[in-house]
Structures are given as C-alpha cells and as structure tokens.
Amino acid sequence: MKTIRLVIFSSLLLMLSLPAQAHTGAGTVHGFADGLLHPLMGIDHLLVMLAIGLWAAMRGGRALWLLPVSFLLMMAAGAGLQLAGLTFNSAETWVALSVLVSGLLVWGNYRISSGLAVALAGGFALSHGYVHAAELQTVADASAYAPGFLLTTALLHGLGIAVGLSGMSRLKVISTGFGLLCAVVGTTLLAGV
C-alpha cells in the first residue's frame, strides 16, 4: 500500500510540471460512427477502459457493474463540463495519470474500499470525457457522437470483465502483464514522449 501511495504522490508532483498531449484534436469528428470508433483509436482510452473492466472483475460482486456504470456516468459528466465551456486544468495530464494508476491498481490488485474505487474510476472518467469532448469539431453532432462513444466504452469495459472472469486461473499473469503495460504507457504519456 505504501508503494501505491508513493507512486500516486510522485505522479501528482509530475502533473504540476509536465504536459501530456495524448489528445491532439486532430481528425474530423462528425457523428455516431466516429463516436463508435474513437475509443479504439487512442491507446490511453483503450487501456483504461479495459483496465476498469479487468479491475471490476478482479474485485467481483457489485464492482462488476458499479465501476463501469460509474465510469460511464462520470465520463458523460466530464464531456458535459467541456461542452458547457467550463475549464478543467491539466485534463490531459489526468488522462495520462489514469493510465498509470489504473495499471498499478490492476497489477497490484490493491484492496481499497468500494467508495475509493468508485471515486478513482469517476476521476479517471471525468478527465477522459472532458478531453474527448474537447476534440469535437464545431460541425460535430455531439448528440450522435456521445452514444457511439459511450457504447464502445461500455463494450471495452465488458471485454475487460470477460477477460477477467474467463481467465480466473490465469488472472495473476493477465493482471500483471496488462497492469505493467498500462503503467509503462501512462508513465510515457506523463513524460510527454
């Protein structure tokens, strides 16, 4: 538990000085099909969605639905904040940090309270929703894009859950390898590489 606190603290310190540019706003986003495909195009979003599902499977019980649903609701809220014109400082850095921390949570299978787990997932989601809404072009149909984006996100959560539940005999190997991958990618994003 001390290790994860140290990593989270160190990551928060890094956030004060390093920009993370995982989202460039490049590409035209118009509607539902773009929303469906977009979560598959960014390594940060893809890894965190799978990690949330895998982490939910590892926690079991109510977490199987509580973490993904909380994530989806807070991601929509983050998008709403951006579309309403509110500023979320360092959102890109929070996205990168979410990749790192979700990887560490899966890798170490840390047992934290359900409330803290939901808060972490919600915090991750808020930043993801915000940055992805910021990528919408002025010609985009946000009301068509959002359902596609949320659907693919939910499917990625489901895939993470399915892998976690079907691979129970190999779960330690899966969670260690996947968690390490997330931690490396998150660290790289935080470093701005």
C-alpha atoms as a PDB file:
ATOM      1  CA  MET A   1       0.000   0.000   0.000  1.00  0.00           C
ATOM      2  CA  LYS A   2       2.933   2.338   0.660  1.00  0.00           C
ATOM      3  CA  THR A   3       4.173   1.715  -2.878  1.00  0.00           C
ATOM      4  CA  ILE A   4       0.921   2.823  -4.492  1.00  0.00           C
ATOM      5  CA  ARG A   5       0.782   5.920  -2.283  1.00  0.00           C
ATOM      6  CA  LEU A   6       4.323   6.799  -3.304  1.00  0.00           C
ATOM      7  CA  VAL A   7       3.530   6.312  -6.991  1.00  0.00           C
ATOM      8  CA  ILE A   8       0.327   8.364  -6.770  1.00  0.00           C
ATOM      9  CA  PHE A   9       2.115  11.143  -4.861  1.00  0.00           C
ATOM     10  CA  SER A  10       5.012  11.160  -7.328  1.00  0.00           C
ATOM     11  CA  SER A  11       2.597  11.225 -10.250  1.00  0.00           C
ATOM     12  CA  LEU A  12       0.725  14.155  -8.745  1.00  0.00           C
ATOM     13  CA  LEU A  13       4.008  16.028  -8.431  1.00  0.00           C
ATOM     14  CA  LEU A  14       4.786  15.275 -12.069  1.00  0.00           C
ATOM     15  CA  MET A  15       1.407  16.673 -13.066  1.00  0.00           C
ATOM     16  CA  LEU A  16       2.413  20.066 -11.789  1.00  0.00           C
ATOM     17  CA  SER A  17       5.133  20.435 -14.400  1.00  0.00           C
ATOM     18  CA  LEU A  18       4.697  18.033 -17.303  1.00  0.00           C
ATOM     19  CA  PRO A  19       2.106  18.421 -20.042  1.00  0.00           C
ATOM     20  CA  ALA A  20       0.603  15.283 -21.520  1.00  0.00           C
ATOM     21  CA  GLN A  21      -0.680  15.557 -25.046  1.00  0.00           C
ATOM     22  CA  ALA A  22      -2.444  12.281 -25.630  1.00  0.00           C
ATOM     23  CA  HIS A  23      -5.235  14.099 -27.478  1.00  0.00           C
ATOM     24  CA  THR A  24      -4.338  16.389 -30.293  1.00  0.00           C
ATOM     25  CA  GLY A  25      -7.786  17.238 -31.580  1.00  0.00           C
ATOM     26  CA  ALA A  26      -6.653  16.011 -34.988  1.00  0.00           C
ATOM     27  CA  GLY A  27      -9.136  14.341 -37.271  1.00  0.00           C
ATOM     28  CA  THR A  28     -12.690  15.203 -38.101  1.00  0.00           C
ATOM     29  CA  VAL A  29     -15.396  14.001 -35.744  1.00  0.00           C
ATOM     30  CA  HIS A  30     -18.948  14.181 -37.006  1.00  0.00           C
ATOM     31  CA  GLY A  31     -21.369  11.653 -35.561  1.00  0.00           C
ATOM     32  CA  PHE A  32     -22.294   8.217 -34.254  1.00  0.00           C
ATOM     33  CA  ALA A  33     -19.813   6.178 -36.321  1.00  0.00           C
ATOM     34  CA  ASP A  34     -16.962   8.465 -35.254  1.00  0.00           C
ATOM     35  CA  GLY A  35     -18.066   8.047 -31.647  1.00  0.00           C
ATOM     36  CA  LEU A  36     -18.049   4.261 -32.036  1.00  0.00           C
ATOM     37  CA  LEU A  37     -14.541   4.208 -33.489  1.00  0.00           C
ATOM     38  CA  HIS A  38     -12.825   6.926 -31.494  1.00  0.00           C
ATOM     39  CA  PRO A  39     -12.284   4.956 -28.243  1.00  0.00           C
ATOM     40  CA  LEU A  40     -10.409   2.341 -30.262  1.00  0.00           C
ATOM     41  CA  MET A  41      -8.022   4.901 -31.752  1.00  0.00           C
ATOM     42  CA  GLY A  42      -6.334   6.186 -28.597  1.00  0.00           C
ATOM     43  CA  ILE A  43      -4.097   3.899 -26.560  1.00  0.00           C
ATOM     44  CA  ASP A  44      -4.892   5.850 -23.389  1.00  0.00           C
ATOM     45  CA  HIS A  45      -8.643   5.372 -23.629  1.00  0.00           C
ATOM     46  CA  LEU A  46      -8.379   1.780 -24.800  1.00  0.00           C
ATOM     47  CA  LEU A  47      -6.100   0.748 -21.926  1.00  0.00           C
ATOM     48  CA  VAL A  48      -8.096   2.495 -19.210  1.00  0.00           C
ATOM     49  CA  MET A  49     -11.415   1.064 -20.417  1.00  0.00           C
ATOM     50  CA  LEU A  50     -10.027  -2.457 -20.450  1.00  0.00           C
ATOM     51  CA  ALA A  51      -8.348  -1.853 -17.066  1.00  0.00           C
ATOM     52  CA  ILE A  52     -11.610  -0.676 -15.477  1.00  0.00           C
ATOM     53  CA  GLY A  53     -13.340  -3.848 -16.697  1.00  0.00           C
ATOM     54  CA  LEU A  54     -10.498  -6.110 -15.581  1.00  0.00           C
ATOM     55  CA  TRP A  55     -10.299  -4.359 -12.214  1.00  0.00           C
ATOM     56  CA  ALA A  56     -14.076  -4.748 -11.787  1.00  0.00           C
ATOM     57  CA  ALA A  57     -13.741  -8.498 -12.488  1.00  0.00           C
ATOM     58  CA  MET A  58     -10.873  -8.769 -10.018  1.00  0.00           C
ATOM     59  CA  ARG A  59     -12.931  -7.016  -7.321  1.00  0.00           C
ATOM     60  CA  GLY A  60     -16.061  -9.048  -8.110  1.00  0.00           C
ATOM     61  CA  GLY A  61     -19.505  -8.590  -6.598  1.00  0.00           C
ATOM     62  CA  ARG A  62     -21.097  -5.178  -7.025  1.00  0.00           C
ATOM     63  CA  ALA A  63     -17.914  -3.834  -8.612  1.00  0.00           C
ATOM     64  CA  LEU A  64     -18.808  -5.768 -11.784  1.00  0.00           C
ATOM     65  CA  TRP A  65     -21.450  -3.172 -12.558  1.00  0.00           C
ATOM     66  CA  LEU A  66     -20.592  -0.329 -10.164  1.00  0.00           C
ATOM     67  CA  LEU A  67     -17.186   0.596 -11.624  1.00  0.00           C
ATOM     68  CA  PRO A  68     -18.210   0.559 -15.311  1.00  0.00           C
ATOM     69  CA  VAL A  69     -21.507   2.374 -14.726  1.00  0.00           C
ATOM     70  CA  SER A  70     -19.814   4.993 -12.536  1.00  0.00           C
ATOM     71  CA  PHE A  71     -17.179   5.443 -15.215  1.00  0.00           C
ATOM     72  CA  LEU A  72     -19.732   5.926 -17.986  1.00  0.00           C
ATOM     73  CA  LEU A  73     -21.770   8.438 -15.973  1.00  0.00           C
ATOM     74  CA  MET A  74     -18.750  10.488 -14.956  1.00  0.00           C
ATOM     75  CA  MET A  75     -17.324  10.393 -18.471  1.00  0.00           C
ATOM     76  CA  ALA A  76     -20.605  11.861 -19.744  1.00  0.00           C
ATOM     77  CA  ALA A  77     -20.408  14.472 -16.965  1.00  0.00           C
ATOM     78  CA  GLY A  78     -16.845  15.377 -17.993  1.00  0.00           C
ATOM     79  CA  ALA A  79     -17.967  15.832 -21.584  1.00  0.00           C
ATOM     80  CA  GLY A  80     -20.851  17.954 -20.369  1.00  0.00           C
ATOM     81  CA  LEU A  81     -18.481  20.184 -18.411  1.00  0.00           C
ATOM     82  CA  GLN A  82     -16.371  20.780 -21.504  1.00  0.00           C
ATOM     83  CA  LEU A  83     -19.370  21.394 -23.765  1.00  0.00           C
ATOM     84  CA  ALA A  84     -20.720  23.864 -21.182  1.00  0.00           C
ATOM     85  CA  GLY A  85     -17.472  25.806 -21.512  1.00  0.00           C
ATOM     86  CA  LEU A  86     -16.021  25.021 -18.093  1.00  0.00           C
ATOM     87  CA  THR A  87     -12.256  24.677 -17.793  1.00  0.00           C
ATOM     88  CA  PHE A  88     -10.665  21.552 -16.375  1.00  0.00           C
ATOM     89  CA  ASN A  89      -6.991  22.320 -15.797  1.00  0.00           C
ATOM     90  CA  SER A  90      -4.465  19.658 -16.753  1.00  0.00           C
ATOM     91  CA  ALA A  91      -7.108  17.312 -18.143  1.00  0.00           C
ATOM     92  CA  GLU A  92      -4.555  15.672 -20.450  1.00  0.00           C
ATOM     93  CA  THR A  93      -2.278  15.043 -17.510  1.00  0.00           C
ATOM     94  CA  TRP A  94      -5.131  13.464 -15.564  1.00  0.00           C
ATOM     95  CA  VAL A  95      -5.831  11.184 -18.537  1.00  0.00           C
ATOM     96  CA  ALA A  96      -2.202  10.073 -18.621  1.00  0.00           C
ATOM     97  CA  LEU A  97      -2.227   9.604 -14.863  1.00  0.00           C
ATOM     98  CA  SER A  98      -5.373   7.475 -15.181  1.00  0.00           C
ATOM     99  CA  VAL A  99      -3.495   5.083 -17.467  1.00  0.00           C
ATOM    100  CA  LEU A 100      -0.648   4.775 -14.963  1.00  0.00           C
ATOM    101  CA  VAL A 101      -2.797   4.425 -11.831  1.00  0.00           C
ATOM    102  CA  SER A 102      -5.321   2.026 -13.384  1.00  0.00           C
ATOM    103  CA  GLY A 103      -2.400  -0.137 -14.464  1.00  0.00           C
ATOM    104  CA  LEU A 104      -0.975  -0.112 -10.951  1.00  0.00           C
ATOM    105  CA  LEU A 105      -4.360  -0.991  -9.476  1.00  0.00           C
ATOM    106  CA  VAL A 106      -4.737  -3.967 -11.804  1.00  0.00           C
ATOM    107  CA  TRP A 107      -1.104  -5.016 -11.478  1.00  0.00           C
ATOM    108  CA  GLY A 108      -1.086  -4.997  -7.684  1.00  0.00           C
ATOM    109  CA  ASN A 109      -4.744  -5.977  -7.212  1.00  0.00           C
ATOM    110  CA  TYR A 110      -4.905  -3.478  -4.353  1.00  0.00           C
ATOM    111  CA  ARG A 111      -7.832  -3.908  -1.994  1.00  0.00           C
ATOM    112  CA  ILE A 112      -9.288  -0.474  -1.440  1.00  0.00           C
ATOM    113  CA  SER A 113     -12.761   0.486  -0.319  1.00  0.00           C
ATOM    114  CA  SER A 114     -15.579   0.490  -2.850  1.00  0.00           C
ATOM    115  CA  GLY A 115     -16.054   4.209  -2.297  1.00  0.00           C
ATOM    116  CA  LEU A 116     -12.426   4.963  -3.135  1.00  0.00           C
ATOM    117  CA  ALA A 117     -12.553   2.619  -6.141  1.00  0.00           C
ATOM    118  CA  VAL A 118     -15.623   4.432  -7.492  1.00  0.00           C
ATOM    119  CA  ALA A 119     -14.021   7.825  -6.787  1.00  0.00           C
ATOM    120  CA  LEU A 120     -10.861   6.854  -8.682  1.00  0.00           C
ATOM    121  CA  ALA A 121     -12.816   5.461 -11.623  1.00  0.00           C
ATOM    122  CA  GLY A 122     -15.003   8.576 -11.616  1.00  0.00           C
ATOM    123  CA  GLY A 123     -11.991  10.877 -11.560  1.00  0.00           C
ATOM    124  CA  PHE A 124     -10.426   8.989 -14.457  1.00  0.00           C
ATOM    125  CA  ALA A 125     -13.712   9.185 -16.355  1.00  0.00           C
ATOM    126  CA  LEU A 126     -14.215  12.893 -15.802  1.00  0.00           C
ATOM    127  CA  SER A 127     -10.912  13.691 -17.480  1.00  0.00           C
ATOM    128  CA  HIS A 128     -11.488  11.244 -20.342  1.00  0.00           C
ATOM    129  CA  GLY A 129     -14.929  12.703 -21.051  1.00  0.00           C
ATOM    130  CA  TYR A 130     -13.577  16.234 -20.922  1.00  0.00           C
ATOM    131  CA  VAL A 131     -10.690  15.710 -23.349  1.00  0.00           C
ATOM    132  CA  HIS A 132     -12.742  13.707 -25.800  1.00  0.00           C
ATOM    133  CA  ALA A 133     -15.470  16.354 -25.878  1.00  0.00           C
ATOM    134  CA  ALA A 134     -12.752  18.956 -26.448  1.00  0.00           C
ATOM    135  CA  GLU A 135     -11.813  17.101 -29.634  1.00  0.00           C
ATOM    136  CA  LEU A 136     -15.238  17.601 -31.174  1.00  0.00           C
ATOM    137  CA  GLN A 137     -15.217  19.878 -34.158  1.00  0.00           C
ATOM    138  CA  THR A 138     -17.751  22.683 -34.493  1.00  0.00           C
ATOM    139  CA  VAL A 139     -19.537  20.679 -37.203  1.00  0.00           C
ATOM    140  CA  ALA A 140     -19.804  17.604 -34.978  1.00  0.00           C
ATOM    141  CA  ASP A 141     -23.133  16.308 -33.765  1.00  0.00           C
ATOM    142  CA  ALA A 142     -22.370  15.724 -30.081  1.00  0.00           C
ATOM    143  CA  SER A 143     -25.775  14.134 -29.515  1.00  0.00           C
ATOM    144  CA  ALA A 144     -24.927  11.449 -32.103  1.00  0.00           C
ATOM    145  CA  TYR A 145     -21.222  11.141 -31.236  1.00  0.00           C
ATOM    146  CA  ALA A 146     -21.744  10.616 -27.486  1.00  0.00           C
ATOM    147  CA  PRO A 147     -23.927   7.477 -27.700  1.00  0.00           C
ATOM    148  CA  GLY A 148     -21.407   5.836 -30.046  1.00  0.00           C
ATOM    149  CA  PHE A 149     -18.519   6.778 -27.788  1.00  0.00           C
ATOM    150  CA  LEU A 150     -20.328   5.539 -24.659  1.00  0.00           C
ATOM    151  CA  LEU A 151     -21.353   2.281 -26.370  1.00  0.00           C
ATOM    152  CA  THR A 152     -17.793   1.405 -27.385  1.00  0.00           C
ATOM    153  CA  THR A 153     -16.545   2.401 -23.943  1.00  0.00           C
ATOM    154  CA  ALA A 154     -19.119   0.089 -22.325  1.00  0.00           C
ATOM    155  CA  LEU A 155     -18.119  -2.727 -24.691  1.00  0.00           C
ATOM    156  CA  LEU A 156     -14.448  -2.253 -23.756  1.00  0.00           C
ATOM    157  CA  HIS A 157     -15.409  -2.416 -20.071  1.00  0.00           C
ATOM    158  CA  GLY A 158     -17.344  -5.600 -20.847  1.00  0.00           C
ATOM    159  CA  LEU A 159     -14.361  -7.083 -22.660  1.00  0.00           C
ATOM    160  CA  GLY A 160     -12.140  -6.361 -19.645  1.00  0.00           C
ATOM    161  CA  ILE A 161     -14.701  -8.012 -17.363  1.00  0.00           C
ATOM    162  CA  ALA A 162     -14.998 -11.023 -19.677  1.00  0.00           C
ATOM    163  CA  VAL A 163     -11.226 -11.487 -19.797  1.00  0.00           C
ATOM    164  CA  GLY A 164     -11.041 -11.197 -16.029  1.00  0.00           C
ATOM    165  CA  LEU A 165     -13.841 -13.659 -15.390  1.00  0.00           C
ATOM    166  CA  SER A 166     -12.858 -16.192 -18.041  1.00  0.00           C
ATOM    167  CA  GLY A 167      -9.192 -16.129 -17.165  1.00  0.00           C
ATOM    168  CA  MET A 168      -9.509 -16.676 -13.412  1.00  0.00           C
ATOM    169  CA  SER A 169      -6.922 -19.440 -13.464  1.00  0.00           C
ATOM    170  CA  ARG A 170      -4.508 -17.127 -15.321  1.00  0.00           C
ATOM    171  CA  LEU A 171      -5.719 -13.885 -13.776  1.00  0.00           C
ATOM    172  CA  LYS A 172      -2.448 -13.148 -11.960  1.00  0.00           C
ATOM    173  CA  VAL A 173      -0.462 -13.403 -15.208  1.00  0.00           C
ATOM    174  CA  ILE A 174      -3.033 -11.363 -17.131  1.00  0.00           C
ATOM    175  CA  SER A 175      -3.309  -8.645 -14.481  1.00  0.00           C
ATOM    176  CA  THR A 176       0.448  -8.405 -14.000  1.00  0.00           C
ATOM    177  CA  GLY A 177       1.205  -8.141 -17.724  1.00  0.00           C
ATOM    178  CA  PHE A 178      -1.650  -5.789 -18.517  1.00  0.00           C
ATOM    179  CA  GLY A 179      -1.042  -3.662 -15.442  1.00  0.00           C
ATOM    180  CA  LEU A 180       2.611  -3.318 -16.336  1.00  0.00           C
ATOM    181  CA  LEU A 181       1.714  -2.306 -19.894  1.00  0.00           C
ATOM    182  CA  CYS A 182      -0.644   0.402 -18.569  1.00  0.00           C
ATOM    183  CA  ALA A 183       1.970   1.638 -16.097  1.00  0.00           C
ATOM    184  CA  VAL A 184       4.608   1.937 -18.820  1.00  0.00           C
ATOM    185  CA  VAL A 185       2.276   3.684 -21.269  1.00  0.00           C
ATOM    186  CA  GLY A 186       0.965   6.010 -18.533  1.00  0.00           C
ATOM    187  CA  THR A 187       4.492   6.920 -17.470  1.00  0.00           C
ATOM    188  CA  THR A 188       5.421   7.583 -21.090  1.00  0.00           C
ATOM    189  CA  LEU A 189       2.392   9.815 -21.558  1.00  0.00           C
ATOM    190  CA  LEU A 190       3.199  11.687 -18.365  1.00  0.00           C
ATOM    191  CA  ALA A 191       6.752  12.229 -19.575  1.00  0.00           C
ATOM    192  CA  GLY A 192       5.343  13.749 -22.751  1.00  0.00           C
ATOM    193  CA  VAL A 193       7.000  11.244 -25.069  1.00  0.00           C
END
